[in-house]
Amino acid sequence: MSQQYPGDTATITTPAGDASTQKYEEARAAASRAMSTISIPQEQPLRTPPAAAEAEVDPDLLSYRGFKFGAAFFGWLIAISMSVLLMAAVSAAALGTAEILDYTTSDAKAQPGAASLTAAGVTIFMLTLAFYIGGYVAGRLARFDGGRQGFGVWMIAVLVGAIAAGAGWVLDSQYSLLDEVNRPDVALSDNTVLLGSIAAGATLLILTLLFAIIGGKSGRRYHDRIDQLL
């Protein structure tokens, strides 16, 4: 007897009238029906982990990033104003201290090196503090990229200083303005004064740049804290 069952491609020849063969055939038929009902799931594509997904940036916020001349300009105005106020306050305090301690000009001329270092150190400190405040204001005004705003404050100051120095050089070449200035007589050699001036100028440029950038970043942190709360 030859029979073929569903799901089975092979044809099995079994003797007719055998009870064990009939049970075997029924078992095979039941197994074939059970196998036909099983579905194998298809492979799913791998999902990108949330941490690896790129953070979406609001395009409206991108338009406010970058260097802002207005914020840097007003930061520079604040830096210049604070420089004048701080230097005036320090000068008044120095005059008051000199009156109390009876420190005269002759005493300063007796120790020109110490007097020059003190004056240069105080001036550099006051200007550095003023540029930190100017950078902070620029960072607060611009909200984003505080470091760039602080650098802009410093750059505007350098450009204005260079223009003022160039204009002064042109005026002095025509009218000899420096010859009419009563400069203090410092008992130091010209080389010492020149080297000291170069060192003080380089230190002033580096410190004001550094603290203007730090001030700009500090001004931006105010907005970062607000964004975190929102």
Protein backbone atom coordinates (compact mmCIF):
# COMPACT_ATOMS: atom_id res chain seq x y z
CA MET A 1 0.00 0.00 0.00
CA SER A 2 1.45 3.35 -1.01
CA GLN A 3 0.30 6.62 0.69
CA GLN A 4 1.55 10.24 0.74
CA TYR A 5 0.79 12.57 3.69
CA PRO A 6 0.53 16.36 3.73
CA GLY A 7 3.81 18.15 4.41
CA ASP A 8 5.84 15.07 3.59
CA THR A 9 7.55 14.80 0.23
CA ALA A 10 8.42 11.15 0.61
CA THR A 11 6.06 8.35 -0.30
CA ILE A 12 5.97 5.53 2.30
CA THR A 13 4.95 2.02 1.35
CA THR A 14 3.22 0.24 4.21
CA PRO A 15 1.55 -3.13 4.36
CA ALA A 16 -2.25 -2.94 4.42
CA GLY A 17 -4.26 -4.02 7.43
CA ASP A 18 -1.45 -3.55 9.97
CA ALA A 19 -2.79 -1.83 13.17
CA SER A 20 0.64 -0.56 14.27
CA THR A 21 1.18 0.93 10.84
CA GLN A 22 -2.14 2.77 11.05
CA LYS A 23 -1.17 4.32 14.41
CA TYR A 24 2.16 5.29 12.99
CA GLU A 25 0.47 7.01 10.06
CA GLU A 26 -1.88 8.90 12.37
CA ALA A 27 1.08 10.10 14.47
CA ARG A 28 2.91 11.31 11.40
CA ALA A 29 -0.18 13.15 10.16
CA ALA A 30 -0.63 14.87 13.54
CA ALA A 31 3.05 15.88 13.58
CA SER A 32 2.77 17.24 10.05
CA ARG A 33 -0.26 19.36 10.99
CA ALA A 34 1.55 20.69 14.08
CA MET A 35 4.63 21.65 12.06
CA SER A 36 2.51 23.51 9.52
CA THR A 37 1.11 25.80 12.26
CA ILE A 38 4.54 26.90 13.51
CA SER A 39 5.75 30.25 12.09
CA ILE A 40 9.38 31.25 12.25
CA PRO A 41 9.78 34.96 13.19
CA GLN A 42 11.73 37.10 10.76
CA GLU A 43 14.91 38.83 11.84
CA GLN A 44 14.33 42.35 13.13
CA PRO A 45 16.77 45.16 12.16
CA LEU A 46 19.10 46.32 14.88
CA ARG A 47 17.97 49.46 16.65
CA THR A 48 20.35 52.29 17.29
CA PRO A 49 20.85 52.82 21.02
CA PRO A 50 19.46 56.12 22.31
CA ALA A 51 22.91 57.17 23.50
CA ALA A 52 24.39 56.72 20.02
CA ALA A 53 21.67 58.73 18.30
CA GLU A 54 22.72 62.20 17.31
CA ALA A 55 21.28 64.95 19.47
CA GLU A 56 18.85 67.09 17.57
CA VAL A 57 19.64 70.79 17.69
CA ASP A 58 16.93 73.39 17.33
CA PRO A 59 17.72 75.36 14.14
CA ASP A 60 16.31 78.50 15.79
CA LEU A 61 18.98 78.27 18.48
CA LEU A 62 21.75 77.86 15.91
CA SER A 63 20.95 81.29 14.49
CA TYR A 64 21.88 82.87 17.83
CA ARG A 65 25.26 81.18 18.13
CA GLY A 66 28.60 82.58 17.09
CA PHE A 67 30.32 85.90 17.68
CA LYS A 68 28.03 88.85 18.40
CA PHE A 69 29.62 92.23 17.79
CA GLY A 70 26.99 94.11 19.78
CA ALA A 71 27.55 92.05 22.92
CA ALA A 72 31.34 92.32 22.57
CA PHE A 73 31.14 96.08 21.99
CA PHE A 74 29.08 96.74 25.10
CA GLY A 75 31.33 94.39 27.05
CA TRP A 76 34.30 96.48 25.90
CA LEU A 77 32.56 99.68 27.06
CA ILE A 78 32.01 98.11 30.47
CA ALA A 79 35.65 96.98 30.59
CA ILE A 80 36.91 100.51 29.82
CA SER A 81 34.52 102.06 32.34
CA MET A 82 35.56 99.62 35.05
CA SER A 83 39.22 100.25 34.24
CA VAL A 84 38.75 103.98 34.82
CA LEU A 85 36.74 103.47 38.00
CA LEU A 86 39.11 100.89 39.47
CA MET A 87 42.22 102.90 38.65
CA ALA A 88 40.64 106.00 40.16
CA ALA A 89 39.74 104.07 43.31
CA VAL A 90 43.23 102.59 43.59
CA SER A 91 44.85 105.99 43.03
CA ALA A 92 42.72 107.56 45.73
CA ALA A 93 43.53 104.71 48.10
CA ALA A 94 47.24 105.01 47.31
CA LEU A 95 47.23 108.76 47.96
CA GLY A 96 45.42 108.25 51.23
CA THR A 97 47.85 105.54 52.29
CA ALA A 98 50.83 107.71 51.32
CA GLU A 99 49.48 110.56 53.44
CA ILE A 100 49.00 108.29 56.43
CA LEU A 101 52.40 106.61 56.11
CA ASP A 102 54.12 109.88 55.14
CA TYR A 103 55.38 108.28 51.91
CA THR A 104 56.70 111.03 49.65
CA THR A 105 57.98 111.24 46.09
CA SER A 106 61.55 111.26 47.34
CA ASP A 107 60.95 107.91 49.00
CA ALA A 108 59.68 106.46 45.73
CA LYS A 109 62.71 107.81 43.85
CA ALA A 110 64.98 106.21 46.44
CA GLN A 111 63.53 102.79 45.52
CA PRO A 112 62.58 103.10 41.83
CA GLY A 113 62.53 99.36 41.17
CA ALA A 114 60.07 98.53 43.95
CA ALA A 115 57.88 101.51 43.12
CA SER A 116 57.77 100.58 39.43
CA LEU A 117 56.97 96.92 40.11
CA THR A 118 54.20 97.87 42.53
CA ALA A 119 52.64 100.31 40.11
CA ALA A 120 52.84 97.84 37.22
CA GLY A 121 51.42 94.98 39.28
CA VAL A 122 48.47 97.02 40.56
CA THR A 123 47.73 98.35 37.08
CA ILE A 124 47.80 94.88 35.50
CA PHE A 125 45.57 93.47 38.25
CA MET A 126 42.98 96.24 37.88
CA LEU A 127 42.86 95.96 34.09
CA THR A 128 42.59 92.17 34.28
CA LEU A 129 39.66 92.46 36.68
CA ALA A 130 38.02 95.05 34.41
CA PHE A 131 38.30 92.76 31.36
CA TYR A 132 36.87 89.86 33.33
CA ILE A 133 33.83 92.00 34.11
CA GLY A 134 33.58 93.12 30.48
CA GLY A 135 33.73 89.53 29.24
CA TYR A 136 31.10 88.51 31.78
CA VAL A 137 28.73 91.21 30.55
CA ALA A 138 29.30 90.19 26.92
CA GLY A 139 28.61 86.54 27.77
CA ARG A 140 25.39 87.45 29.55
CA LEU A 141 24.21 89.58 26.64
CA ALA A 142 24.97 87.03 23.90
CA ARG A 143 23.79 83.94 25.88
CA PHE A 144 25.73 81.53 23.64
CA ASP A 145 29.47 81.14 22.97
CA GLY A 146 30.64 83.21 25.94
CA GLY A 147 34.29 82.50 25.21
CA ARG A 148 34.02 84.09 21.78
CA GLN A 149 32.32 87.15 23.21
CA GLY A 150 35.11 87.56 25.76
CA PHE A 151 37.69 87.26 23.00
CA GLY A 152 35.77 89.90 21.06
CA VAL A 153 35.95 92.29 24.02
CA TRP A 154 39.71 91.86 24.16
CA MET A 155 40.12 92.17 20.39
CA ILE A 156 38.13 95.42 20.24
CA ALA A 157 40.29 96.84 23.03
CA VAL A 158 43.48 95.88 21.17
CA LEU A 159 42.24 97.38 17.90
CA VAL A 160 41.15 100.61 19.55
CA GLY A 161 44.47 100.79 21.41
CA ALA A 162 46.40 100.25 18.18
CA ILE A 163 44.39 102.97 16.42
CA ALA A 164 44.91 105.37 19.32
CA ALA A 165 48.65 104.63 19.37
CA GLY A 166 48.89 105.21 15.63
CA ALA A 167 47.00 108.49 15.87
CA GLY A 168 49.23 109.57 18.76
CA TRP A 169 52.35 108.75 16.78
CA VAL A 170 51.12 110.81 13.82
CA LEU A 171 50.24 113.78 16.04
CA ASP A 172 53.56 113.59 17.87
CA SER A 173 55.48 113.52 14.59
CA GLN A 174 53.75 116.74 13.53
CA TYR A 175 53.41 118.66 16.81
CA SER A 176 56.04 117.02 19.12
CA LEU A 177 53.51 116.51 21.89
CA LEU A 178 55.70 114.17 23.95
CA ASP A 179 58.39 116.82 24.34
CA GLU A 180 55.97 118.94 26.32
CA VAL A 181 55.09 116.13 28.75
CA ASN A 182 56.81 116.37 32.12
CA ARG A 183 57.90 112.76 32.56
CA PRO A 184 59.07 111.56 35.98
CA ASP A 185 62.80 111.08 36.36
CA VAL A 186 63.28 107.40 37.21
CA ALA A 187 66.73 106.30 38.32
CA LEU A 188 66.78 103.28 36.02
CA SER A 189 68.70 102.59 32.85
CA ASP A 190 66.97 102.79 29.50
CA ASN A 191 67.45 99.06 28.87
CA THR A 192 65.86 98.20 32.22
CA VAL A 193 62.90 100.44 31.55
CA LEU A 194 62.50 99.01 28.03
CA LEU A 195 62.66 95.37 29.16
CA GLY A 196 60.32 96.06 32.05
CA SER A 197 57.84 97.76 29.75
CA ILE A 198 57.91 94.85 27.28
CA ALA A 199 57.42 92.30 30.04
CA ALA A 200 54.59 94.29 31.61
CA GLY A 201 52.89 94.78 28.24
CA ALA A 202 53.10 91.08 27.33
CA THR A 203 51.78 90.08 30.75
CA LEU A 204 48.94 92.57 30.43
CA LEU A 205 47.92 91.27 27.01
CA ILE A 206 47.97 87.61 28.06
CA LEU A 207 46.13 88.08 31.36
CA THR A 208 43.44 90.37 29.96
CA LEU A 209 42.80 87.91 27.09
CA LEU A 210 42.61 84.95 29.44
CA PHE A 211 40.30 86.59 31.95
CA ALA A 212 38.08 88.12 29.28
CA ILE A 213 37.44 84.62 27.90
CA ILE A 214 36.88 83.23 31.39
CA GLY A 215 34.48 86.08 32.14
CA GLY A 216 32.54 85.37 28.94
CA LYS A 217 32.19 81.69 29.84
CA SER A 218 31.06 82.64 33.36
CA GLY A 219 28.40 84.93 31.91
CA ARG A 220 27.06 82.10 29.76
CA ARG A 221 26.67 79.75 32.76
CA TYR A 222 23.83 81.94 34.00
CA HIS A 223 21.76 81.04 30.93
CA ASP A 224 22.85 77.39 31.11
CA ARG A 225 21.40 77.11 34.61
CA ILE A 226 18.13 78.64 33.44
CA ASP A 227 17.94 76.23 30.48
CA GLN A 228 18.42 73.29 32.83
CA LEU A 229 15.54 74.48 35.02
CA LEU A 230 13.28 74.88 32.01
